[in-house]
Protein backbone atom coordinates (compact mmCIF):
# COMPACT_ATOMS: atom_id res chain seq x y z
CA UNK A 1 -25.69 5.31 9.05
CA UNK A 2 -23.29 8.16 9.33
CA UNK A 3 -23.80 11.60 7.79
CA UNK A 4 -21.14 14.23 7.16
CA UNK A 5 -20.42 17.15 4.83
CA UNK A 6 -18.02 16.33 1.98
CA UNK A 7 -16.14 19.46 0.89
CA UNK A 8 -15.10 18.18 -2.54
CA UNK A 9 -18.59 16.96 -3.41
CA UNK A 10 -20.15 20.03 -1.75
CA UNK A 11 -22.96 17.91 -0.32
CA UNK A 12 -23.86 15.89 2.72
CA UNK A 13 -22.79 12.27 2.38
CA UNK A 14 -24.71 9.49 4.10
CA UNK A 15 -22.66 6.33 4.58
CA UNK A 16 -24.58 3.06 4.68
CA UNK A 17 -23.20 -0.23 5.96
CA UNK A 18 -24.22 -3.87 5.37
CA UNK A 19 -27.87 -4.33 6.28
CA UNK A 20 -28.72 -0.65 5.79
CA UNK A 21 -30.52 1.30 3.09
CA UNK A 22 -31.59 4.86 2.41
CA UNK A 23 -34.41 6.25 0.27
CA UNK A 24 -34.49 10.00 -0.15
CA UNK A 25 -35.65 13.10 -1.99
CA UNK A 26 -32.75 15.07 -0.51
CA UNK A 27 -29.84 16.35 -2.57
CA UNK A 28 -27.34 14.14 -0.74
CA UNK A 29 -24.80 11.52 -1.73
CA UNK A 30 -25.20 7.93 -0.50
CA UNK A 31 -21.89 6.16 -0.04
CA UNK A 32 -20.82 2.62 0.82
CA UNK A 33 -17.89 0.23 0.46
CA UNK A 34 -18.48 -3.17 -1.12
CA UNK A 35 -16.50 -6.36 -1.26
CA UNK A 36 -18.60 -9.44 -1.88
CA UNK A 37 -21.73 -7.51 -0.88
CA UNK A 38 -24.15 -5.97 -3.36
CA UNK A 39 -25.59 -2.47 -3.50
CA UNK A 40 -28.53 -1.67 -5.74
CA UNK A 41 -29.20 1.98 -6.57
CA UNK A 42 -32.78 2.73 -7.63
CA UNK A 43 -34.18 5.95 -9.13
CA UNK A 44 -37.43 7.48 -10.35
CA UNK A 45 -36.36 10.03 -13.00
CA UNK A 46 -39.58 12.06 -12.90
CA UNK A 47 -39.81 12.50 -9.13
CA UNK A 48 -35.99 12.58 -8.77
CA UNK A 49 -36.26 10.15 -5.86
CA UNK A 50 -33.54 7.60 -5.25
CA UNK A 51 -32.26 5.08 -2.80
CA UNK A 52 -29.63 2.44 -2.28
CA UNK A 53 -29.29 -0.70 -0.18
CA UNK A 54 -26.30 -2.81 0.88
CA UNK A 55 -26.71 -6.54 1.51
CA UNK A 56 -24.37 -9.48 2.00
CA UNK A 57 -26.53 -12.54 1.28
CA UNK A 58 -29.54 -13.10 -0.98
CA UNK A 59 -31.38 -14.91 1.82
CA UNK A 60 -32.35 -18.51 2.26
CA UNK A 61 -34.86 -20.56 0.37
CA UNK A 62 -38.04 -21.10 2.36
CA UNK A 63 -40.37 -24.10 2.18
CA UNK A 64 -42.08 -22.63 -0.91
CA UNK A 65 -38.81 -22.38 -2.81
CA UNK A 66 -38.58 -18.58 -2.52
CA UNK A 67 -35.86 -16.47 -0.95
CA UNK A 68 -36.68 -15.23 2.53
CA UNK A 69 -34.92 -13.31 5.27
CA UNK A 70 -36.83 -10.62 7.11
CA UNK A 71 -33.91 -8.34 7.55
CA UNK A 72 -32.27 -5.74 5.30
CA UNK A 73 -29.04 -7.75 5.54
CA UNK A 74 -30.65 -10.19 3.12
CA UNK A 75 -31.16 -9.31 -0.52
CA UNK A 76 -34.84 -10.19 -0.83
CA UNK A 77 -35.82 -8.06 2.13
CA UNK A 78 -33.34 -5.31 1.26
CA UNK A 79 -34.84 -5.00 -2.22
CA UNK A 80 -38.46 -5.07 -1.05
CA UNK A 81 -37.95 -2.54 1.73
CA UNK A 82 -36.01 -0.15 -0.53
CA UNK A 83 -38.71 -0.24 -3.21
CA UNK A 84 -41.47 0.20 -0.62
CA UNK A 85 -39.73 3.22 0.90
CA UNK A 86 -39.32 4.80 -2.54
CA UNK A 87 -43.02 4.24 -3.28
CA UNK A 88 -43.92 5.89 0.03
CA UNK A 89 -41.91 8.95 -1.06
CA UNK A 90 -43.90 9.14 -4.29
CA UNK A 91 -41.93 7.05 -6.80
CA UNK A 92 -43.93 5.36 -9.53
CA UNK A 93 -43.18 1.64 -9.80
CA UNK A 94 -43.39 1.67 -13.60
CA UNK A 95 -40.65 4.34 -13.87
CA UNK A 96 -38.01 3.06 -11.48
CA UNK A 97 -34.61 2.04 -12.84
CA UNK A 98 -31.65 0.31 -11.21
CA UNK A 99 -27.87 0.13 -11.18
CA UNK A 100 -26.10 -2.83 -9.53
CA UNK A 101 -22.64 -2.89 -7.91
CA UNK A 102 -20.39 -5.24 -5.96
CA UNK A 103 -20.00 -8.97 -5.77
CA UNK A 104 -16.21 -8.84 -5.80
CA UNK A 105 -14.24 -11.94 -4.82
CA UNK A 106 -12.50 -10.45 -1.79
CA UNK A 107 -13.29 -13.22 0.72
CA UNK A 108 -10.67 -15.95 0.62
CA UNK A 109 -12.23 -18.68 2.77
CA UNK A 110 -13.37 -21.58 0.61
CA UNK A 111 -16.78 -21.61 2.33
CA UNK A 112 -17.35 -18.01 1.23
CA UNK A 113 -16.26 -18.29 -2.41
CA UNK A 114 -19.82 -18.68 -3.76
CA UNK A 115 -21.19 -15.57 -2.04
CA UNK A 116 -20.26 -12.92 -4.66
CA UNK A 117 -21.68 -14.92 -7.57
CA UNK A 118 -24.86 -15.77 -5.61
CA UNK A 119 -25.33 -12.10 -4.75
CA UNK A 120 -24.89 -10.97 -8.35
CA UNK A 121 -27.24 -13.65 -9.67
CA UNK A 122 -29.87 -12.83 -7.07
CA UNK A 123 -29.80 -9.06 -7.71
CA UNK A 124 -30.03 -9.37 -11.48
CA UNK A 125 -32.71 -12.09 -11.37
CA UNK A 126 -34.76 -10.12 -8.85
CA UNK A 127 -34.71 -6.99 -10.98
CA UNK A 128 -35.57 -8.95 -14.12
CA UNK A 129 -38.46 -10.72 -12.36
CA UNK A 130 -39.79 -7.40 -11.07
CA UNK A 131 -39.41 -5.80 -14.54
CA UNK A 132 -37.08 -3.11 -13.21
CA UNK A 133 -34.62 -2.16 -15.97
CA UNK A 134 -30.92 -2.31 -15.07
CA UNK A 135 -29.28 0.70 -16.71
CA UNK A 136 -25.75 -0.32 -15.75
CA UNK A 137 -23.80 -2.62 -13.49
CA UNK A 138 -20.27 -3.00 -12.18
CA UNK A 139 -20.11 -6.45 -10.61
CA UNK A 140 -17.70 -9.34 -10.07
CA UNK A 141 -13.97 -9.28 -10.39
CA UNK A 142 -11.51 -9.37 -7.52
CA UNK A 143 -11.53 -5.75 -6.37
CA UNK A 144 -13.56 -3.93 -3.76
CA UNK A 145 -15.56 -0.82 -4.64
CA UNK A 146 -16.33 2.48 -2.96
CA UNK A 147 -19.53 4.07 -4.25
CA UNK A 148 -20.82 7.63 -4.25
CA UNK A 149 -24.45 7.63 -5.43
CA UNK A 150 -26.20 10.90 -6.33
CA UNK A 151 -29.86 9.81 -6.02
CA UNK A 152 -31.48 12.87 -7.61
CA UNK A 153 -29.29 12.53 -10.72
CA UNK A 154 -28.97 8.70 -10.82
CA UNK A 155 -25.22 9.11 -11.10
CA UNK A 156 -22.74 6.79 -9.37
CA UNK A 157 -19.01 7.33 -8.96
CA UNK A 158 -17.10 4.08 -8.42
CA UNK A 159 -13.60 3.77 -7.03
CA UNK A 160 -12.08 0.27 -7.27
CA UNK A 161 -9.34 -0.88 -4.95
CA UNK A 162 -7.54 -4.09 -4.13
CA UNK A 163 -4.48 -5.59 -2.55
CA UNK A 164 -3.57 -4.53 0.95
CA UNK A 165 -6.43 -2.01 1.04
CA UNK A 166 -8.97 -4.86 1.07
CA UNK A 167 -7.55 -6.66 4.13
CA UNK A 168 -9.63 -4.63 6.59
CA UNK A 169 -12.74 -4.98 4.41
CA UNK A 170 -12.23 -8.74 4.14
CA UNK A 171 -11.92 -9.04 7.93
CA UNK A 172 -15.09 -6.98 8.46
CA UNK A 173 -17.06 -8.99 5.89
CA UNK A 174 -15.92 -12.34 7.33
CA UNK A 175 -16.95 -11.21 10.81
CA UNK A 176 -20.29 -9.92 9.55
CA UNK A 177 -20.91 -13.14 7.61
CA UNK A 178 -20.24 -15.23 10.71
CA UNK A 179 -22.65 -13.06 12.70
CA UNK A 180 -25.33 -13.56 10.05
CA UNK A 181 -24.85 -17.30 10.07
CA UNK A 182 -25.31 -17.44 13.86
CA UNK A 183 -28.20 -15.02 14.06
CA UNK A 184 -31.78 -16.20 13.94
CA UNK A 185 -34.25 -13.60 12.76
CA UNK A 186 -37.47 -13.78 14.74
CA UNK A 187 -39.15 -10.52 13.85
CA UNK A 188 -40.74 -9.37 10.65
CA UNK A 189 -41.56 -5.81 9.66
CA UNK A 190 -45.24 -5.83 8.72
CA UNK A 191 -44.87 -2.52 6.86
CA UNK A 192 -43.11 -4.29 3.99
CA UNK A 193 -45.22 -5.45 1.07
CA UNK A 194 -43.67 -8.22 -1.01
CA UNK A 195 -44.45 -7.91 -4.73
């Protein structure tokens, strides 16, 4: 994560990358850039607590037919850890709401073409299963997105971009995807409670 002061927004901005998340009570802006990845913004309107994650893959099915992946790079873990961190800050599970972003078709390798749709389906199914209302979403399409999330207000500014601007993002996502495919996760964070 990288934090800096944004003069136009007049707030500190915390930039999260794939595999990262932030839950906070602070009056900051959480920002990220998405191609095929998904970011889910969550908010408790009473406590004014919010957070956002950024993941590239839903995870893999385990022997019980459930998604697994003990790392915030994977959707299942990224969702569980974000919700747990919000609950630790005082959010009430029955009040939390979500907004979903990303899943753009910016990767052009044929082996990667299913990733955006899988990510979108996972995020929406997860939230429905957990009875977390989705207040809005901006998913799919062929453009990348830059997000600015105001967690205390549950407001998200979205800038879409495409064409030549996505070349660097596509290269970074392809490299990250290859790293994920090669990596074997051997540790599990015992502080995460799966609902």
